[in-house]
């Protein structure tokens, strides 16, 4: 590929990178990217466009996209003979999927401070990257083209780029849009539109890029991936020429840009190819759900003040029996909860612990799951060491509601889909949780608290997806496969946080795990009368 780029007339070079596996074993992975630059004849190298595609070996678990390399090189040969380019065009072929793309971007922007991913210097450079187009073409006999949008941490490209790609592709007679189905189904309809929107919500909530384009967004570069879809039940008449015309149209449109994309939406949900929901329409629903927690916390605060006002009017002997909130005890619990969250975020990456488990024959998946499980079991026994009065537990309840509402709003601003799904699960439980003397209700509330533990929530999500995907399996097989998939997901999330900067693992460990610890201590609290009656029953 390097020789072919040089034969075409591009400034071509090779970029090497090395991955030091962040967990036990000291594993090292190497890769090599190939890129060529078509210099703009009309202006200096001040701006550029990237056209990329992944290189997948025959042993790759992903579908082969070798036609993308042929298409890109054919377009490079055509573009070199044109004189209207005002921006450099970078033709990039990456190795090891997103790992190669991340290494190349780190080297291009000089972000070489990650000890896990070491990259060599780039011998060739172009101008500031304005936009990028990633190709995943499996065959030239295309039935349709799927536009992949979701990027790292749920970021999306500017909607104008999506509209540009869609219109130019449809103009060449190839159906194009977001989430093009791989099997024929009726077009339009409210059910299909709802399913497409929910599919985007689920895909965006993971924070994992759906293609190499998703790593450009963190550098302020608008990018999408074109995935060619070929159905076995149909025979397409499309050839290489329409795809070359599509690439030329998109490249020339990007070439004529006088400024970066900024006049359209960056926060949206695709309903249909010509319909979307903007942030002004969908954000109020998350604000209302999080706002309900704030309203309840305010009501609890008013009720606490009313109780104190009533105790002030009582005789001194009765008023002395009412205890004021002990902020020291509450503060110690808050410090312990967030320190435990820090340990959850730090222990999996501690080299000594990883090497210890690795030398005893434990895999990375089992090591990480064991560490998090041990911490979770210890947390369950933490209420034994904290004895709160009724006013203390009310202050703790108010703090939990405030911290949870703030966390949901912040997560929703960064990744709306993730914040919405979390709110759907957590808010109904937190709204109905109260301090009650009913033993059955307390047991149900504690059971809900156990089910809201982050590891258990992750398992139920994976279990549901596994059950839907593999509906032919038995319940036992689905449970086993879901457990294995959950353990793998934990490792992938931790690795992504180190290599790519995915904040899903860090957010759960530093924010929602401490909130769950506080919630469990709140749900495990019993009034002093119940504690004394339990002790008397034991002694008798």
Protein backbone atom coordinates (compact mmCIF):
# COMPACT_ATOMS: atom_id res chain seq x y z
CA UNK A 1 0.00 0.00 0.00
CA UNK A 2 2.89 2.32 0.73
CA UNK A 3 4.41 1.59 -2.67
CA UNK A 4 1.07 2.15 -4.39
CA UNK A 5 0.65 5.54 -2.71
CA UNK A 6 4.10 6.60 -3.81
CA UNK A 7 3.38 5.32 -7.32
CA UNK A 8 0.26 7.48 -7.45
CA UNK A 9 2.33 10.51 -6.50
CA UNK A 10 1.40 11.05 -2.85
CA UNK A 11 3.77 11.97 -0.06
CA UNK A 12 3.55 8.64 1.75
CA UNK A 13 5.02 7.33 4.98
CA UNK A 14 4.60 4.70 7.69
CA UNK A 15 3.62 5.29 11.30
CA UNK A 16 4.49 2.75 14.01
CA UNK A 17 2.84 2.39 17.41
CA UNK A 18 3.08 0.09 20.43
CA UNK A 19 0.47 -0.79 23.04
CA UNK A 20 1.62 -1.77 26.53
CA UNK A 21 -1.32 -3.72 27.93
CA UNK A 22 -2.32 -1.85 31.12
CA UNK A 23 -3.16 -5.02 33.08
CA UNK A 24 -1.10 -8.02 34.19
CA UNK A 25 1.15 -10.09 31.96
CA UNK A 26 3.24 -7.35 30.42
CA UNK A 27 1.74 -7.97 27.00
CA UNK A 28 2.90 -5.75 24.14
CA UNK A 29 1.06 -5.22 20.84
CA UNK A 30 2.52 -3.46 17.83
CA UNK A 31 0.95 -2.01 14.73
CA UNK A 32 1.69 0.05 11.66
CA UNK A 33 -0.33 2.71 9.88
CA UNK A 34 0.21 3.82 6.29
CA UNK A 35 -0.76 7.30 5.13
CA UNK A 36 -0.27 9.50 2.13
CA UNK A 37 -0.85 13.23 1.63
CA UNK A 38 -2.12 14.90 -1.50
CA UNK A 39 -0.84 18.45 -1.30
CA UNK A 40 -3.25 21.20 -2.28
CA UNK A 41 -1.97 22.91 -5.46
CA UNK A 42 -3.91 26.14 -4.90
CA UNK A 43 -2.80 27.06 -1.38
CA UNK A 44 -0.28 26.19 1.32
CA UNK A 45 -0.81 23.31 3.73
CA UNK A 46 -3.06 25.15 6.18
CA UNK A 47 -6.13 22.90 6.17
CA UNK A 48 -6.77 19.26 5.33
CA UNK A 49 -9.34 16.49 4.99
CA UNK A 50 -8.87 12.89 6.11
CA UNK A 51 -10.17 9.88 4.18
CA UNK A 52 -9.44 6.70 6.11
CA UNK A 53 -10.24 3.01 6.22
CA UNK A 54 -9.25 0.18 8.56
CA UNK A 55 -7.04 -2.68 7.46
CA UNK A 56 -8.36 -6.02 8.67
CA UNK A 57 -6.40 -9.24 8.40
CA UNK A 58 -7.99 -12.53 7.42
CA UNK A 59 -8.08 -13.57 11.09
CA UNK A 60 -10.07 -10.50 12.15
CA UNK A 61 -13.46 -11.09 13.76
CA UNK A 62 -14.85 -8.07 11.91
CA UNK A 63 -16.17 -8.24 8.33
CA UNK A 64 -13.61 -7.74 5.62
CA UNK A 65 -13.50 -4.22 4.18
CA UNK A 66 -10.70 -4.65 1.66
CA UNK A 67 -12.82 -2.90 -0.97
CA UNK A 68 -12.40 0.30 1.05
CA UNK A 69 -8.66 0.30 0.34
CA UNK A 70 -9.25 -0.18 -3.39
CA UNK A 71 -11.84 2.59 -3.44
CA UNK A 72 -9.62 5.00 -1.52
CA UNK A 73 -6.57 4.39 -3.71
CA UNK A 74 -8.68 4.73 -6.86
CA UNK A 75 -10.00 8.07 -5.64
CA UNK A 76 -6.47 9.18 -4.68
CA UNK A 77 -5.31 8.46 -8.24
CA UNK A 78 -8.21 10.49 -9.63
CA UNK A 79 -7.84 13.37 -7.15
CA UNK A 80 -4.12 13.77 -7.85
CA UNK A 81 -4.87 14.81 -11.44
CA UNK A 82 -7.31 17.57 -10.37
CA UNK A 83 -6.23 21.16 -9.74
CA UNK A 84 -9.14 22.54 -7.74
CA UNK A 85 -8.08 21.30 -4.30
CA UNK A 86 -7.68 24.05 -1.71
CA UNK A 87 -7.13 21.63 1.19
CA UNK A 88 -4.69 18.78 1.64
CA UNK A 89 -6.21 15.32 1.50
CA UNK A 90 -4.78 12.71 3.86
CA UNK A 91 -5.36 9.08 2.82
CA UNK A 92 -4.96 6.94 5.93
CA UNK A 93 -5.02 3.14 6.35
CA UNK A 94 -5.03 2.16 10.03
CA UNK A 95 -3.99 -1.07 11.68
CA UNK A 96 -5.62 -2.69 14.74
CA UNK A 97 -8.95 -0.92 14.19
CA UNK A 98 -9.47 2.07 16.52
CA UNK A 99 -6.13 1.54 18.23
CA UNK A 100 -4.26 2.55 15.08
CA UNK A 101 -6.48 5.58 14.57
CA UNK A 102 -5.98 6.74 18.15
CA UNK A 103 -2.20 6.31 17.84
CA UNK A 104 -2.12 8.31 14.60
CA UNK A 105 -4.23 11.13 16.05
CA UNK A 106 -2.05 11.27 19.16
CA UNK A 107 1.05 11.56 16.99
CA UNK A 108 -0.57 14.15 14.69
CA UNK A 109 -1.52 16.41 17.59
CA UNK A 110 1.51 15.66 19.76
CA UNK A 111 -0.37 13.89 22.56
CA UNK A 112 2.34 11.37 23.39
CA UNK A 113 1.96 11.46 27.17
CA UNK A 114 0.03 8.16 27.39
CA UNK A 115 2.45 5.46 28.66
CA UNK A 116 0.09 2.68 27.55
CA UNK A 117 0.07 3.76 23.89
CA UNK A 118 3.48 4.73 22.50
CA UNK A 119 3.66 6.24 19.03
CA UNK A 120 6.46 7.24 16.72
CA UNK A 121 6.75 10.72 15.27
CA UNK A 122 5.06 11.49 11.97
CA UNK A 123 7.49 12.20 9.17
CA UNK A 124 4.84 13.99 7.12
CA UNK A 125 2.22 16.49 8.19
CA UNK A 126 -0.59 18.43 6.57
CA UNK A 127 -2.78 21.33 7.66
CA UNK A 128 -5.37 21.50 10.40
CA UNK A 129 -7.93 18.72 9.89
CA UNK A 130 -11.38 20.11 9.13
CA UNK A 131 -13.36 16.89 8.60
CA UNK A 132 -12.85 13.17 8.19
CA UNK A 133 -14.56 10.37 6.28
CA UNK A 134 -14.05 6.73 7.24
CA UNK A 135 -14.89 3.94 4.77
CA UNK A 136 -16.07 0.41 5.57
CA UNK A 137 -17.03 -0.99 2.16
CA UNK A 138 -17.34 -4.77 2.01
CA UNK A 139 -18.36 -5.00 -1.66
CA UNK A 140 -19.11 -2.74 -4.59
CA UNK A 141 -22.44 -4.53 -5.10
CA UNK A 142 -24.07 -2.26 -2.56
CA UNK A 143 -27.72 -2.20 -1.69
CA UNK A 144 -27.46 0.78 0.65
CA UNK A 145 -25.02 2.76 2.79
CA UNK A 146 -25.28 3.13 6.53
CA UNK A 147 -23.93 6.34 8.09
CA UNK A 148 -22.35 5.74 11.49
CA UNK A 149 -22.46 8.78 13.77
CA UNK A 150 -21.81 7.83 17.41
CA UNK A 151 -18.38 8.78 18.67
CA UNK A 152 -16.36 8.52 21.86
CA UNK A 153 -18.35 9.34 25.02
CA UNK A 154 -21.52 9.77 22.98
CA UNK A 155 -20.30 12.73 20.93
CA UNK A 156 -21.94 13.32 17.55
CA UNK A 157 -20.77 15.09 14.40
CA UNK A 158 -22.40 18.24 13.14
CA UNK A 159 -25.77 17.49 11.55
CA UNK A 160 -24.75 19.35 8.38
CA UNK A 161 -22.14 16.69 7.64
CA UNK A 162 -24.74 13.94 7.98
CA UNK A 163 -27.12 15.78 5.65
CA UNK A 164 -24.31 16.38 3.13
CA UNK A 165 -23.32 12.71 2.96
CA UNK A 166 -26.90 11.54 2.79
CA UNK A 167 -27.97 13.88 -0.02
CA UNK A 168 -24.90 13.25 -2.20
CA UNK A 169 -25.20 9.48 -1.77
CA UNK A 170 -28.91 9.39 -2.54
CA UNK A 171 -28.22 11.55 -5.58
CA UNK A 172 -26.11 8.73 -7.04
CA UNK A 173 -28.99 6.28 -6.64
CA UNK A 174 -27.72 4.44 -3.56
CA UNK A 175 -30.08 4.55 -0.56
CA UNK A 176 -28.30 6.09 2.39
CA UNK A 177 -29.17 7.04 5.92
CA UNK A 178 -28.70 6.33 9.60
CA UNK A 179 -29.12 2.69 10.73
CA UNK A 180 -29.96 1.31 7.32
CA UNK A 181 -31.48 -2.15 7.92
CA UNK A 182 -29.55 -5.23 6.80
CA UNK A 183 -32.84 -6.95 5.97
CA UNK A 184 -35.77 -5.51 4.10
CA UNK A 185 -38.48 -3.91 6.21
CA UNK A 186 -41.25 -1.41 5.52
CA UNK A 187 -40.05 2.17 5.32
CA UNK A 188 -41.47 4.92 7.46
CA UNK A 189 -44.14 4.49 10.08
CA UNK A 190 -44.15 5.55 13.70
CA UNK A 191 -42.98 2.15 14.94
CA UNK A 192 -39.89 2.12 12.71
CA UNK A 193 -39.08 5.72 13.60
CA UNK A 194 -39.41 4.98 17.31
CA UNK A 195 -37.23 1.88 16.96
CA UNK A 196 -34.56 3.84 15.10
CA UNK A 197 -34.50 6.56 17.75
CA UNK A 198 -34.28 4.01 20.58
CA UNK A 199 -31.50 2.21 18.75
CA UNK A 200 -29.52 5.44 18.60
CA UNK A 201 -30.15 6.06 22.30
CA UNK A 202 -28.83 2.60 23.21
CA UNK A 203 -25.83 2.93 20.90
CA UNK A 204 -24.91 6.41 22.11
CA UNK A 205 -25.31 5.53 25.79
CA UNK A 206 -22.43 3.04 25.70
CA UNK A 207 -19.93 5.82 24.94
CA UNK A 208 -18.09 3.46 22.57
CA UNK A 209 -17.43 4.71 19.01
CA UNK A 210 -19.20 2.77 16.28
CA UNK A 211 -16.25 3.27 13.94
CA UNK A 212 -12.88 4.96 13.54
CA UNK A 213 -14.64 8.26 12.93
CA UNK A 214 -15.64 8.45 16.60
CA UNK A 215 -12.10 9.26 17.75
CA UNK A 216 -11.95 12.48 15.73
CA UNK A 217 -14.67 14.22 17.71
CA UNK A 218 -12.57 14.81 20.83
CA UNK A 219 -10.20 16.89 18.67
CA UNK A 220 -13.04 19.04 17.35
CA UNK A 221 -13.10 17.28 13.95
CA UNK A 222 -16.42 16.36 12.37
CA UNK A 223 -16.33 12.79 11.05
CA UNK A 224 -18.65 9.96 9.96
CA UNK A 225 -18.24 6.39 8.73
CA UNK A 226 -19.79 5.05 5.52
CA UNK A 227 -20.65 1.37 5.92
CA UNK A 228 -21.64 -0.46 2.75
CA UNK A 229 -24.52 -2.90 3.17
CA UNK A 230 -24.94 -5.83 0.79
CA UNK A 231 -27.92 -8.14 1.16
CA UNK A 232 -27.70 -11.74 0.10
CA UNK A 233 -31.32 -11.79 -1.12
CA UNK A 234 -30.85 -8.96 -3.64
CA UNK A 235 -28.47 -8.33 -6.53
CA UNK A 236 -27.30 -4.76 -6.83
CA UNK A 237 -26.20 -3.16 -10.08
CA UNK A 238 -24.04 -0.51 -8.40
CA UNK A 239 -20.37 -0.49 -9.35
CA UNK A 240 -17.22 1.40 -8.40
CA UNK A 241 -18.12 4.54 -10.39
CA UNK A 242 -21.01 5.74 -8.16
CA UNK A 243 -18.85 5.35 -5.06
CA UNK A 244 -16.08 7.41 -6.69
CA UNK A 245 -18.62 10.11 -7.52
CA UNK A 246 -19.83 10.10 -3.92
CA UNK A 247 -16.29 10.48 -2.61
CA UNK A 248 -15.58 13.28 -5.06
CA UNK A 249 -18.79 15.12 -4.16
CA UNK A 250 -18.17 14.92 -0.43
CA UNK A 251 -14.50 15.89 -0.80
CA UNK A 252 -15.26 18.86 -3.03
CA UNK A 253 -17.98 20.05 -0.66
CA UNK A 254 -15.56 19.86 2.26
CA UNK A 255 -12.89 21.46 0.10
CA UNK A 256 -15.13 24.52 -0.39
CA UNK A 257 -15.65 25.08 3.32
CA UNK A 258 -14.53 28.53 4.42
CA UNK A 259 -14.95 27.76 8.12
CA UNK A 260 -15.59 24.82 10.43
CA UNK A 261 -19.00 23.23 10.83
CA UNK A 262 -20.83 25.22 13.46
CA UNK A 263 -24.21 26.42 12.16
CA UNK A 264 -26.16 23.23 12.82
CA UNK A 265 -26.85 20.87 15.70
CA UNK A 266 -24.28 18.86 17.63
CA UNK A 267 -26.88 17.36 20.00
CA UNK A 268 -29.70 15.46 18.32
CA UNK A 269 -31.48 12.13 17.96
CA UNK A 270 -32.17 10.76 14.49
CA UNK A 271 -35.82 9.69 14.07
CA UNK A 272 -35.77 9.19 10.29
CA UNK A 273 -33.40 10.16 7.51
CA UNK A 274 -35.18 13.50 7.21
CA UNK A 275 -36.35 13.90 10.80
CA UNK A 276 -34.46 14.53 14.03
CA UNK A 277 -35.12 15.63 17.60
CA UNK A 278 -33.01 18.55 18.79
CA UNK A 279 -31.65 19.14 22.28
CA UNK A 280 -34.31 21.75 23.01
CA UNK A 281 -37.00 19.08 22.64
CA UNK A 282 -35.49 16.11 24.45
CA UNK A 283 -33.49 17.74 27.24
CA UNK A 284 -36.53 18.93 29.27
CA UNK A 285 -37.59 15.32 29.94
CA UNK A 286 -34.27 14.57 31.64
CA UNK A 287 -34.43 17.91 33.44
CA UNK A 288 -37.88 17.08 34.80
CA UNK A 289 -36.78 13.66 36.05
CA UNK A 290 -33.69 15.08 37.74
CA UNK A 291 -35.73 18.06 38.93
CA UNK A 292 -38.13 15.73 40.74
CA UNK A 293 -35.22 14.63 42.95
CA UNK A 294 -34.40 18.27 43.71
CA UNK A 295 -38.02 18.99 44.57
CA UNK A 296 -38.19 16.03 46.92
CA UNK A 297 -34.96 17.05 48.63
CA UNK A 298 -36.40 20.55 49.15
CA UNK A 299 -39.58 19.07 50.64
CA UNK A 300 -37.54 16.93 53.02
CA UNK A 301 -35.51 19.96 54.04
CA UNK A 302 -38.68 21.94 54.81
CA UNK A 303 -40.14 19.05 56.81
CA UNK A 304 -36.91 18.76 58.81
CA UNK A 305 -37.06 22.46 59.71
CA UNK A 306 -40.72 22.17 60.67
CA UNK A 307 -39.90 19.32 63.04
CA UNK A 308 -37.15 21.37 64.66
CA UNK A 309 -39.52 24.33 65.04
CA UNK A 310 -42.06 22.07 66.75
CA UNK A 311 -39.45 20.64 69.12
CA UNK A 312 -38.40 24.17 70.11
CA UNK A 313 -41.95 24.84 71.35
CA UNK A 314 -42.02 21.66 73.48
CA UNK A 315 -41.01 21.59 77.18
CA UNK A 316 -37.24 21.50 77.82
CA UNK A 317 -37.31 17.91 79.06
CA UNK A 318 -38.95 16.60 75.87
CA UNK A 319 -36.92 18.86 73.60
CA UNK A 320 -33.66 17.60 75.04
CA UNK A 321 -34.53 14.09 73.90
CA UNK A 322 -34.58 15.24 70.25
CA UNK A 323 -31.10 15.06 68.83
CA UNK A 324 -29.69 17.55 66.33
CA UNK A 325 -27.99 16.26 63.15
CA UNK A 326 -24.43 15.07 63.70
CA UNK A 327 -22.60 16.48 60.71
CA UNK A 328 -19.33 14.81 61.72
CA UNK A 329 -20.80 11.32 61.39
CA UNK A 330 -22.40 12.21 58.06
CA UNK A 331 -19.16 13.75 56.83
CA UNK A 332 -17.20 10.61 57.73
CA UNK A 333 -19.63 8.47 55.73
CA UNK A 334 -19.35 10.81 52.74
CA UNK A 335 -15.56 10.66 52.89
CA UNK A 336 -15.61 6.86 53.19
CA UNK A 337 -18.02 6.48 50.26
CA UNK A 338 -16.05 8.66 47.88
CA UNK A 339 -12.73 7.19 49.02
CA UNK A 340 -14.14 3.76 48.20
CA UNK A 341 -15.15 5.07 44.78
CA UNK A 342 -11.59 6.26 44.28
CA UNK A 343 -10.31 2.79 45.17
CA UNK A 344 -12.73 1.21 42.71
CA UNK A 345 -11.28 3.50 40.04
CA UNK A 346 -7.64 2.99 41.11
CA UNK A 347 -7.20 -0.64 42.20
CA UNK A 348 -7.82 -2.26 38.77
CA UNK A 349 -4.85 -0.34 37.33
CA UNK A 350 -2.44 -0.96 40.21
CA UNK A 351 0.45 -2.96 38.74
CA UNK A 352 1.23 -4.91 41.92
CA UNK A 353 -2.31 -6.25 42.30
CA UNK A 354 -2.53 -7.18 38.61
CA UNK A 355 0.77 -9.03 38.70
CA UNK A 356 -0.26 -10.90 41.87
CA UNK A 357 -3.48 -12.18 40.32
CA UNK A 358 -1.77 -12.90 37.00
CA UNK A 359 0.92 -15.04 38.65
CA UNK A 360 -1.82 -17.05 40.38
CA UNK A 361 -3.38 -17.86 37.02
CA UNK A 362 -6.36 -15.50 37.11
CA UNK A 363 -7.41 -13.82 33.89
CA UNK A 364 -7.87 -10.08 33.58
CA UNK A 365 -11.65 -10.47 33.50
CA UNK A 366 -11.71 -12.54 36.67
CA UNK A 367 -9.22 -10.24 38.41
CA UNK A 368 -11.24 -7.09 37.77
CA UNK A 369 -14.55 -8.75 38.69
CA UNK A 370 -13.04 -10.17 41.88
CA UNK A 371 -11.71 -6.79 43.00
CA UNK A 372 -15.01 -5.01 42.43
CA UNK A 373 -16.97 -7.83 44.06
CA UNK A 374 -14.79 -7.77 47.19
CA UNK A 375 -15.26 -4.03 47.56
CA UNK A 376 -19.02 -4.38 47.04
CA UNK A 377 -19.33 -7.11 49.69
CA UNK A 378 -17.38 -5.01 52.21
CA UNK A 379 -19.67 -2.06 51.49
CA UNK A 380 -22.74 -4.16 52.32
CA UNK A 381 -21.44 -4.54 55.91
CA UNK A 382 -20.55 -0.85 56.28
CA UNK A 383 -23.86 0.12 58.03
CA UNK A 384 -22.72 -1.90 61.06
CA UNK A 385 -20.11 0.76 61.83
CA UNK A 386 -22.36 3.81 61.39
CA UNK A 387 -25.16 4.57 63.86
CA UNK A 388 -27.26 7.56 62.85
CA UNK A 389 -30.13 9.31 64.57
CA UNK A 390 -33.30 10.10 62.68
CA UNK A 391 -32.24 13.65 61.85
CA UNK A 392 -28.87 12.37 60.61
CA UNK A 393 -30.51 9.93 58.22
CA UNK A 394 -32.79 12.67 56.89
CA UNK A 395 -29.79 14.87 56.13
CA UNK A 396 -28.16 11.88 54.42
CA UNK A 397 -31.32 11.33 52.36
CA UNK A 398 -31.29 14.95 51.23
CA UNK A 399 -27.61 14.72 50.28
CA UNK A 400 -28.19 11.56 48.21
CA UNK A 401 -31.01 13.21 46.26
CA UNK A 402 -28.97 16.36 45.59
CA UNK A 403 -25.84 14.49 44.51
CA UNK A 404 -27.78 12.08 42.31
CA UNK A 405 -29.76 14.86 40.61
CA UNK A 406 -26.57 16.82 39.94
CA UNK A 407 -24.84 13.73 38.55
CA UNK A 408 -27.74 12.93 36.21
CA UNK A 409 -27.86 16.49 34.86
CA UNK A 410 -24.10 16.59 34.25
CA UNK A 411 -24.08 13.17 32.57
CA UNK A 412 -27.08 14.19 30.47
CA UNK A 413 -25.28 17.30 29.25
CA UNK A 414 -22.30 15.20 28.15
CA UNK A 415 -24.19 12.12 26.95
CA UNK A 416 -27.94 12.58 26.96
CA UNK A 417 -28.76 8.96 26.14
CA UNK A 418 -26.76 7.62 29.08
CA UNK A 419 -28.27 10.16 31.45
CA UNK A 420 -31.79 9.34 30.24
CA UNK A 421 -31.40 5.58 30.69
CA UNK A 422 -29.91 6.05 34.15
CA UNK A 423 -32.75 8.37 35.12
CA UNK A 424 -35.35 5.84 33.93
CA UNK A 425 -33.83 3.20 36.23
CA UNK A 426 -32.89 5.26 39.29
CA UNK A 427 -35.42 8.09 39.60
CA UNK A 428 -38.58 5.94 40.13
CA UNK A 429 -36.83 4.08 42.96
CA UNK A 430 -35.45 7.21 44.64
CA UNK A 431 -38.78 9.02 44.48
CA UNK A 432 -40.56 6.22 46.38
CA UNK A 433 -37.83 5.50 48.94
CA UNK A 434 -38.82 6.71 52.41
CA UNK A 435 -38.04 6.02 56.07
CA UNK A 436 -40.77 3.61 57.18
CA UNK A 437 -41.37 1.35 60.16
CA UNK A 438 -42.91 -1.38 58.02
CA UNK A 439 -40.57 -4.39 57.89
CA UNK A 440 -41.84 -5.65 54.52
CA UNK A 441 -41.45 -2.26 52.87
CA UNK A 442 -37.95 -1.89 54.31
CA UNK A 443 -37.03 -5.31 52.92
CA UNK A 444 -38.32 -4.36 49.45
CA UNK A 445 -36.40 -1.08 49.57
CA UNK A 446 -33.20 -2.87 50.56
CA UNK A 447 -33.73 -5.35 47.73
CA UNK A 448 -34.07 -2.44 45.29
CA UNK A 449 -30.87 -0.99 46.75
CA UNK A 450 -29.04 -4.25 46.07
CA UNK A 451 -30.35 -4.34 42.50
CA UNK A 452 -29.10 -0.77 41.91
CA UNK A 453 -25.52 -1.84 42.62
CA UNK A 454 -23.51 -0.90 39.47
CA UNK A 455 -22.22 -4.43 38.83
CA UNK A 456 -25.70 -5.93 39.11
CA UNK A 457 -27.17 -3.23 36.87
CA UNK A 458 -24.50 -3.94 34.25
CA UNK A 459 -25.26 -7.67 34.46
CA UNK A 460 -29.01 -7.15 33.98
CA UNK A 461 -28.41 -4.89 30.97
CA UNK A 462 -26.11 -7.45 29.35
CA UNK A 463 -28.52 -10.25 30.27
CA UNK A 464 -31.41 -8.46 28.55
CA UNK A 465 -29.39 -7.80 25.39
CA UNK A 466 -28.14 -11.40 25.35
CA UNK A 467 -31.65 -12.74 25.78
CA UNK A 468 -32.91 -10.62 22.87
CA UNK A 469 -29.98 -11.48 20.60
CA UNK A 470 -29.81 -15.22 21.37
CA UNK A 471 -33.46 -16.05 21.94
CA UNK A 472 -32.89 -19.69 20.95
CA UNK A 473 -30.69 -20.37 24.02
CA UNK A 474 -31.94 -21.75 27.32
CA UNK A 475 -32.18 -19.58 30.43
CA UNK A 476 -29.11 -21.19 31.99
CA UNK A 477 -27.04 -20.62 28.83
CA UNK A 478 -28.18 -17.00 28.64
CA UNK A 479 -27.19 -16.41 32.29
CA UNK A 480 -23.75 -17.94 31.74
CA UNK A 481 -23.13 -16.05 28.52
CA UNK A 482 -24.34 -12.80 30.10
CA UNK A 483 -21.96 -13.26 33.04
CA UNK A 484 -19.01 -13.80 30.72
CA UNK A 485 -20.03 -10.82 28.57
CA UNK A 486 -20.36 -8.60 31.65
CA UNK A 487 -16.86 -9.51 32.82
CA UNK A 488 -15.50 -8.75 29.35
CA UNK A 489 -17.40 -5.45 29.25
CA UNK A 490 -15.79 -4.38 32.53
CA UNK A 491 -12.32 -5.05 31.12
CA UNK A 492 -13.07 -3.28 27.84
CA UNK A 493 -14.45 -0.28 29.72
CA UNK A 494 -11.34 -0.08 31.91
CA UNK A 495 -8.99 -0.45 28.92
CA UNK A 496 -10.91 2.17 26.94
CA UNK A 497 -10.53 4.64 29.79
CA UNK A 498 -6.74 4.26 29.67
CA UNK A 499 -6.22 4.22 25.91
CA UNK A 500 -9.00 6.29 24.41
CA UNK A 501 -10.18 8.45 27.31
CA UNK A 502 -13.62 6.86 27.63
CA UNK A 503 -14.97 8.15 30.95
CA UNK A 504 -17.66 5.48 31.48
CA UNK A 505 -15.58 3.38 33.91
CA UNK A 506 -14.29 6.45 35.76
CA UNK A 507 -17.76 7.97 36.02
CA UNK A 508 -19.30 4.82 37.50
CA UNK A 509 -16.44 4.39 39.96
CA UNK A 510 -16.06 7.99 41.10
CA UNK A 511 -19.68 9.16 41.02
CA UNK A 512 -22.35 6.46 41.00
CA UNK A 513 -20.56 3.87 43.14
CA UNK A 514 -20.25 6.33 46.07
CA UNK A 515 -23.90 7.32 45.62
CA UNK A 516 -24.86 3.65 45.86
CA UNK A 517 -22.82 3.30 49.07
CA UNK A 518 -24.68 6.24 50.59
CA UNK A 519 -28.01 4.84 49.41
CA UNK A 520 -27.28 1.43 50.92
CA UNK A 521 -26.40 2.97 54.29
CA UNK A 522 -29.63 4.96 54.14
CA UNK A 523 -31.76 1.91 53.29
CA UNK A 524 -30.08 -0.21 55.99
CA UNK A 525 -30.85 2.30 58.75
CA UNK A 526 -33.33 1.38 61.45
CA UNK A 527 -34.82 3.60 64.17
CA UNK A 528 -33.41 3.33 67.67
CA UNK A 529 -36.61 1.65 68.92
CA UNK A 530 -36.23 -1.17 66.39
CA UNK A 531 -32.55 -1.66 67.31
CA UNK A 532 -33.35 -1.91 71.02
CA UNK A 533 -36.24 -4.32 70.43
CA UNK A 534 -33.99 -6.54 68.31
CA UNK A 535 -31.33 -6.59 71.05
CA UNK A 536 -33.94 -7.46 73.71
CA UNK A 537 -35.32 -10.30 71.58
CA UNK A 538 -31.80 -11.70 71.13
CA UNK A 539 -31.00 -11.55 74.84
CA UNK A 540 -34.29 -13.13 75.82
